[in-house]
């Protein structure tokens, strides 16, 4: 394929800061991402933010089918050229965050998500799959290296947060490749990493997913406050009741949310769900 910079220049494309556009053209890196995604001829791949289509083309060379979403319609003529002759790739010009997942998944077999994600969309996109997807087998995503560390963090560390606990309920997370900033253009201000999230239903079982999400939000509501105070605020609990629930969950006095593992948060969420269910029956 012709030099990507020349293709973009010929079509008068200009990078848009609001979309966080940083494209990859290094063939070895593209092939490495495809390999890390475990894509083969039977795979259906959902790509989010296909940019100039270099990763899309590499995915299509190995996968059975690629559905690529792109928010910037100015890339349409670029993609028409870079994906010319690629019959198993379809580009959808739409903001994926607005996509109805139930509608999309009704038309798809189990699939793998591959994406080179800009910072602004990373957490909302991953959260969307965690909350709404039922057929995703894995997410293999390029993100900023600090975000990658947060995805894979352990409790009690500075990087551990709400997104870590949200991921852990449904998927295991692993940094599978570090990518220096010079591999992109325009060159971003930070290095990146490829993270693989492998879904496993029931990985951390909970009685109610919505209550788990609410418990995680409460745990990280304010890192300066104890979990007791955060639960009182988030669930409108009297102090003694909050203390009793935490005691039953085996949480030490004065503990803060970031010290609880995802499994401990799940146990706490189940107790809060029992409380809400009992109150609803009165």
Protein backbone atom coordinates (compact mmCIF):
# COMPACT_ATOMS: atom_id res chain seq x y z
CA UNK A 1 0.00 0.00 0.00
CA UNK A 2 1.17 3.51 -0.81
CA UNK A 3 2.62 5.58 2.02
CA UNK A 4 -0.28 6.44 4.31
CA UNK A 5 0.82 10.02 4.76
CA UNK A 6 0.63 10.52 1.01
CA UNK A 7 -2.85 9.00 0.84
CA UNK A 8 -4.10 11.29 3.61
CA UNK A 9 -2.51 14.33 1.98
CA UNK A 10 -3.99 13.53 -1.43
CA UNK A 11 -7.48 13.48 0.06
CA UNK A 12 -6.88 16.69 2.02
CA UNK A 13 -7.43 14.98 5.35
CA UNK A 14 -6.57 16.92 8.50
CA UNK A 15 -6.37 15.36 11.95
CA UNK A 16 -9.06 16.37 14.43
CA UNK A 17 -7.98 16.85 18.01
CA UNK A 18 -11.50 16.18 19.36
CA UNK A 19 -11.36 12.63 17.98
CA UNK A 20 -7.91 11.89 19.42
CA UNK A 21 -6.69 10.63 16.04
CA UNK A 22 -3.28 8.93 16.01
CA UNK A 23 -2.82 6.42 13.20
CA UNK A 24 -0.58 3.35 12.94
CA UNK A 25 1.26 2.53 9.73
CA UNK A 26 4.02 0.17 10.91
CA UNK A 27 3.28 -3.20 9.31
CA UNK A 28 4.99 -5.25 12.02
CA UNK A 29 2.96 -3.55 14.77
CA UNK A 30 -0.29 -4.07 12.87
CA UNK A 31 0.44 -7.77 12.36
CA UNK A 32 1.42 -8.10 16.02
CA UNK A 33 -1.93 -6.66 17.17
CA UNK A 34 -3.81 -9.06 14.88
CA UNK A 35 -1.80 -11.98 16.27
CA UNK A 36 -2.41 -10.90 19.89
CA UNK A 37 -6.14 -10.77 19.12
CA UNK A 38 -6.03 -14.43 18.10
CA UNK A 39 -7.86 -13.69 14.86
CA UNK A 40 -8.33 -16.48 12.33
CA UNK A 41 -10.48 -17.16 9.25
CA UNK A 42 -13.48 -18.11 11.39
CA UNK A 43 -13.38 -14.93 13.47
CA UNK A 44 -15.79 -12.04 13.37
CA UNK A 45 -14.05 -8.84 14.44
CA UNK A 46 -15.61 -5.61 15.60
CA UNK A 47 -13.18 -2.72 15.20
CA UNK A 48 -13.92 0.60 16.89
CA UNK A 49 -12.33 3.69 15.36
CA UNK A 50 -10.78 2.32 12.18
CA UNK A 51 -9.08 5.62 11.29
CA UNK A 52 -7.30 5.30 7.96
CA UNK A 53 -7.98 1.58 7.74
CA UNK A 54 -4.48 0.16 8.22
CA UNK A 55 -5.47 -2.07 11.14
CA UNK A 56 -8.78 -2.87 9.42
CA UNK A 57 -6.91 -4.16 6.39
CA UNK A 58 -4.54 -6.24 8.54
CA UNK A 59 -7.49 -7.74 10.45
CA UNK A 60 -9.38 -8.54 7.24
CA UNK A 61 -6.35 -10.43 5.90
CA UNK A 62 -6.78 -12.96 8.74
CA UNK A 63 -10.43 -12.75 9.85
CA UNK A 64 -13.56 -14.04 8.24
CA UNK A 65 -15.40 -10.75 8.67
CA UNK A 66 -14.58 -7.28 10.00
CA UNK A 67 -17.16 -4.64 10.95
CA UNK A 68 -15.35 -1.36 11.52
CA UNK A 69 -16.90 1.72 13.11
CA UNK A 70 -15.59 5.21 12.39
CA UNK A 71 -16.99 8.50 13.68
CA UNK A 72 -15.18 10.81 11.23
CA UNK A 73 -16.97 10.83 7.88
CA UNK A 74 -14.11 12.88 6.40
CA UNK A 75 -12.20 9.59 6.27
CA UNK A 76 -14.66 8.05 3.81
CA UNK A 77 -12.58 8.70 0.65
CA UNK A 78 -9.39 7.63 2.46
CA UNK A 79 -10.98 4.34 3.53
CA UNK A 80 -12.41 3.76 0.07
CA UNK A 81 -8.82 3.77 -1.16
CA UNK A 82 -7.01 1.95 1.68
CA UNK A 83 -9.65 -0.79 1.83
CA UNK A 84 -10.08 -1.17 -1.92
CA UNK A 85 -10.46 -4.85 -2.78
CA UNK A 86 -11.03 -5.87 0.83
CA UNK A 87 -14.38 -7.61 0.43
CA UNK A 88 -14.78 -8.95 3.98
CA UNK A 89 -14.58 -5.56 5.73
CA UNK A 90 -17.55 -3.25 6.22
CA UNK A 91 -17.18 0.32 7.51
CA UNK A 92 -20.02 1.86 9.52
CA UNK A 93 -19.78 5.65 9.89
CA UNK A 94 -21.37 6.10 13.30
CA UNK A 95 -20.49 6.96 16.87
CA UNK A 96 -20.25 3.50 18.41
CA UNK A 97 -21.19 4.81 21.84
CA UNK A 98 -24.67 5.45 20.41
CA UNK A 99 -24.99 1.95 18.99
CA UNK A 100 -27.77 -0.23 20.39
CA UNK A 101 -25.85 -3.33 21.48
CA UNK A 102 -28.86 -5.65 21.54
CA UNK A 103 -29.67 -4.72 17.94
CA UNK A 104 -26.05 -5.17 16.82
CA UNK A 105 -25.50 -8.49 18.61
CA UNK A 106 -28.71 -9.93 17.21
CA UNK A 107 -26.94 -9.92 13.83
CA UNK A 108 -23.56 -11.25 14.98
CA UNK A 109 -22.03 -14.52 16.15
CA UNK A 110 -19.60 -14.35 19.09
CA UNK A 111 -16.96 -11.77 18.17
CA UNK A 112 -13.66 -10.18 19.18
CA UNK A 113 -13.24 -6.43 19.59
CA UNK A 114 -10.03 -4.82 18.36
CA UNK A 115 -9.41 -1.10 18.65
CA UNK A 116 -6.81 1.65 18.78
CA UNK A 117 -8.62 3.89 21.24
CA UNK A 118 -8.23 7.61 21.88
CA UNK A 119 -8.20 8.59 25.55
CA UNK A 120 -11.60 10.30 25.60
CA UNK A 121 -13.51 7.19 24.54
CA UNK A 122 -11.57 4.46 26.34
CA UNK A 123 -13.45 4.14 29.63
CA UNK A 124 -16.94 4.78 28.16
CA UNK A 125 -16.34 2.20 25.43
CA UNK A 126 -14.99 -0.52 27.72
CA UNK A 127 -17.83 0.16 30.16
CA UNK A 128 -20.35 -0.20 27.34
CA UNK A 129 -19.10 -3.70 26.54
CA UNK A 130 -18.96 -4.65 30.22
CA UNK A 131 -22.53 -3.49 30.84
CA UNK A 132 -24.28 -4.28 27.55
CA UNK A 133 -22.41 -6.92 25.53
CA UNK A 134 -23.23 -10.63 25.72
CA UNK A 135 -21.37 -12.06 22.73
CA UNK A 136 -17.97 -10.40 23.05
CA UNK A 137 -15.23 -12.99 23.58
CA UNK A 138 -12.37 -10.54 24.08
CA UNK A 139 -11.39 -6.91 23.78
CA UNK A 140 -7.90 -6.27 22.45
CA UNK A 141 -7.39 -2.54 22.74
CA UNK A 142 -4.56 -0.06 22.33
CA UNK A 143 -4.75 2.51 25.13
CA UNK A 144 -2.48 4.99 26.90
CA UNK A 145 -0.02 3.14 29.12
CA UNK A 146 -1.38 4.68 32.34
CA UNK A 147 -4.87 3.50 31.39
CA UNK A 148 -3.52 0.02 30.68
CA UNK A 149 -2.06 -0.09 34.18
CA UNK A 150 -5.43 0.90 35.66
CA UNK A 151 -7.19 -1.89 33.77
CA UNK A 152 -4.83 -4.49 35.25
CA UNK A 153 -4.16 -3.03 38.71
CA UNK A 154 -4.40 -4.86 42.03
CA UNK A 155 -6.31 -3.59 45.04
CA UNK A 156 -4.39 -1.31 47.36
CA UNK A 157 -2.25 0.19 44.58
CA UNK A 158 -2.53 3.77 43.25
CA UNK A 159 -3.74 2.56 39.83
CA UNK A 160 -6.62 0.48 41.25
CA UNK A 161 -10.00 2.09 40.67
CA UNK A 162 -13.61 1.70 39.66
CA UNK A 163 -12.81 0.63 36.08
CA UNK A 164 -10.45 -2.09 37.41
CA UNK A 165 -13.19 -3.58 39.58
CA UNK A 166 -15.76 -3.25 36.79
CA UNK A 167 -13.55 -5.18 34.38
CA UNK A 168 -12.67 -7.88 36.92
CA UNK A 169 -16.30 -9.02 37.32
CA UNK A 170 -16.55 -10.15 33.72
CA UNK A 171 -13.03 -10.39 32.31
CA UNK A 172 -9.37 -10.99 33.05
CA UNK A 173 -7.04 -8.16 31.98
CA UNK A 174 -3.46 -8.44 30.76
CA UNK A 175 -1.01 -6.00 29.18
CA UNK A 176 0.26 -7.95 26.17
CA UNK A 177 2.41 -5.35 24.40
CA UNK A 178 4.04 -1.99 25.10
CA UNK A 179 3.99 0.48 22.20
CA UNK A 180 6.24 3.57 22.14
CA UNK A 181 4.71 6.86 21.01
CA UNK A 182 6.95 7.05 17.92
CA UNK A 183 4.90 4.23 16.34
CA UNK A 184 2.02 6.65 15.70
CA UNK A 185 1.48 9.76 13.68
CA UNK A 186 0.88 12.41 14.65
CA UNK A 187 3.17 11.40 17.54
CA UNK A 188 1.16 11.58 20.80
CA UNK A 189 2.54 12.88 24.10
CA UNK A 190 2.45 9.49 25.83
CA UNK A 191 3.36 5.86 25.21
CA UNK A 192 0.69 3.21 24.75
CA UNK A 193 0.04 -0.45 25.49
CA UNK A 194 -2.13 -3.21 24.08
CA UNK A 195 -4.43 -4.75 26.70
CA UNK A 196 -6.37 -7.97 26.24
CA UNK A 197 -9.60 -8.36 28.19
CA UNK A 198 -10.80 -11.97 28.00
CA UNK A 199 -14.45 -12.42 28.94
CA UNK A 200 -15.52 -15.27 31.20
CA UNK A 201 -19.13 -15.18 32.36
CA UNK A 202 -19.49 -15.76 36.07
CA UNK A 203 -15.82 -14.95 36.67
CA UNK A 204 -16.85 -13.10 39.83
CA UNK A 205 -20.47 -14.11 40.49
CA UNK A 206 -22.83 -11.50 41.91
CA UNK A 207 -26.51 -11.67 42.73
CA UNK A 208 -27.27 -8.45 40.88
CA UNK A 209 -24.98 -6.73 38.38
CA UNK A 210 -26.55 -3.29 38.89
CA UNK A 211 -25.94 -3.48 42.65
CA UNK A 212 -22.31 -4.48 42.03
CA UNK A 213 -21.86 -1.47 39.76
CA UNK A 214 -23.43 0.79 42.39
CA UNK A 215 -21.19 -0.69 45.09
CA UNK A 216 -18.08 -0.10 43.00
CA UNK A 217 -19.12 3.50 42.35
CA UNK A 218 -19.68 3.98 46.08
CA UNK A 219 -16.33 2.43 46.98
CA UNK A 220 -14.49 4.97 44.85
CA UNK A 221 -16.85 7.88 45.46
CA UNK A 222 -14.17 9.68 47.45
CA UNK A 223 -10.77 8.16 48.13
CA UNK A 224 -10.35 10.46 51.12
CA UNK A 225 -13.40 9.01 52.85
CA UNK A 226 -13.84 5.64 54.50
CA UNK A 227 -15.97 3.03 52.78
CA UNK A 228 -18.45 3.40 55.65
CA UNK A 229 -19.01 7.07 54.83
CA UNK A 230 -19.19 6.41 51.10
CA UNK A 231 -21.83 3.70 51.60
CA UNK A 232 -23.86 5.99 53.84
CA UNK A 233 -23.86 8.64 51.12
CA UNK A 234 -24.41 6.38 48.10
CA UNK A 235 -27.05 4.07 49.61
CA UNK A 236 -28.63 6.48 52.13
CA UNK A 237 -27.69 4.18 55.00
CA UNK A 238 -27.69 5.08 58.69
CA UNK A 239 -24.17 4.77 60.12
CA UNK A 240 -24.94 1.75 62.30
CA UNK A 241 -26.47 -0.12 59.37
CA UNK A 242 -23.50 0.68 57.16
CA UNK A 243 -21.16 -0.57 59.88
CA UNK A 244 -23.18 -3.75 60.31
CA UNK A 245 -23.12 -4.55 56.59
CA UNK A 246 -19.37 -3.94 56.41
CA UNK A 247 -18.82 -6.10 59.49
CA UNK A 248 -20.82 -8.94 57.94
CA UNK A 249 -18.78 -8.57 54.75
CA UNK A 250 -15.58 -8.92 56.78
CA UNK A 251 -14.39 -5.40 55.98
CA UNK A 252 -12.13 -3.86 58.64
CA UNK A 253 -13.19 -0.67 60.42
CA UNK A 254 -12.09 2.54 58.70
CA UNK A 255 -11.26 0.66 55.47
CA UNK A 256 -11.27 2.59 52.22
CA UNK A 257 -12.78 1.29 49.04
CA UNK A 258 -9.52 0.92 47.14
CA UNK A 259 -8.33 -1.72 49.62
CA UNK A 260 -11.13 -4.16 48.69
CA UNK A 261 -10.54 -6.73 45.96
CA UNK A 262 -13.23 -7.18 43.28
CA UNK A 263 -14.32 -10.39 45.05
CA UNK A 264 -14.68 -8.52 48.35
CA UNK A 265 -16.69 -5.82 46.58
CA UNK A 266 -18.92 -8.54 45.13
CA UNK A 267 -19.57 -9.98 48.61
CA UNK A 268 -20.43 -6.50 49.88
CA UNK A 269 -22.73 -5.90 46.88
CA UNK A 270 -24.60 -9.14 47.63
CA UNK A 271 -25.28 -7.98 51.20
CA UNK A 272 -26.50 -4.61 49.95
CA UNK A 273 -28.74 -6.39 47.44
CA UNK A 274 -30.18 -8.58 50.23
CA UNK A 275 -30.90 -5.45 52.25
CA UNK A 276 -32.66 -3.76 49.31
CA UNK A 277 -34.66 -6.92 48.53
CA UNK A 278 -35.77 -7.28 52.15
CA UNK A 279 -36.78 -3.62 52.32
CA UNK A 280 -38.78 -4.03 49.11
CA UNK A 281 -40.82 -6.87 50.59
CA UNK A 282 -41.93 -4.86 53.61
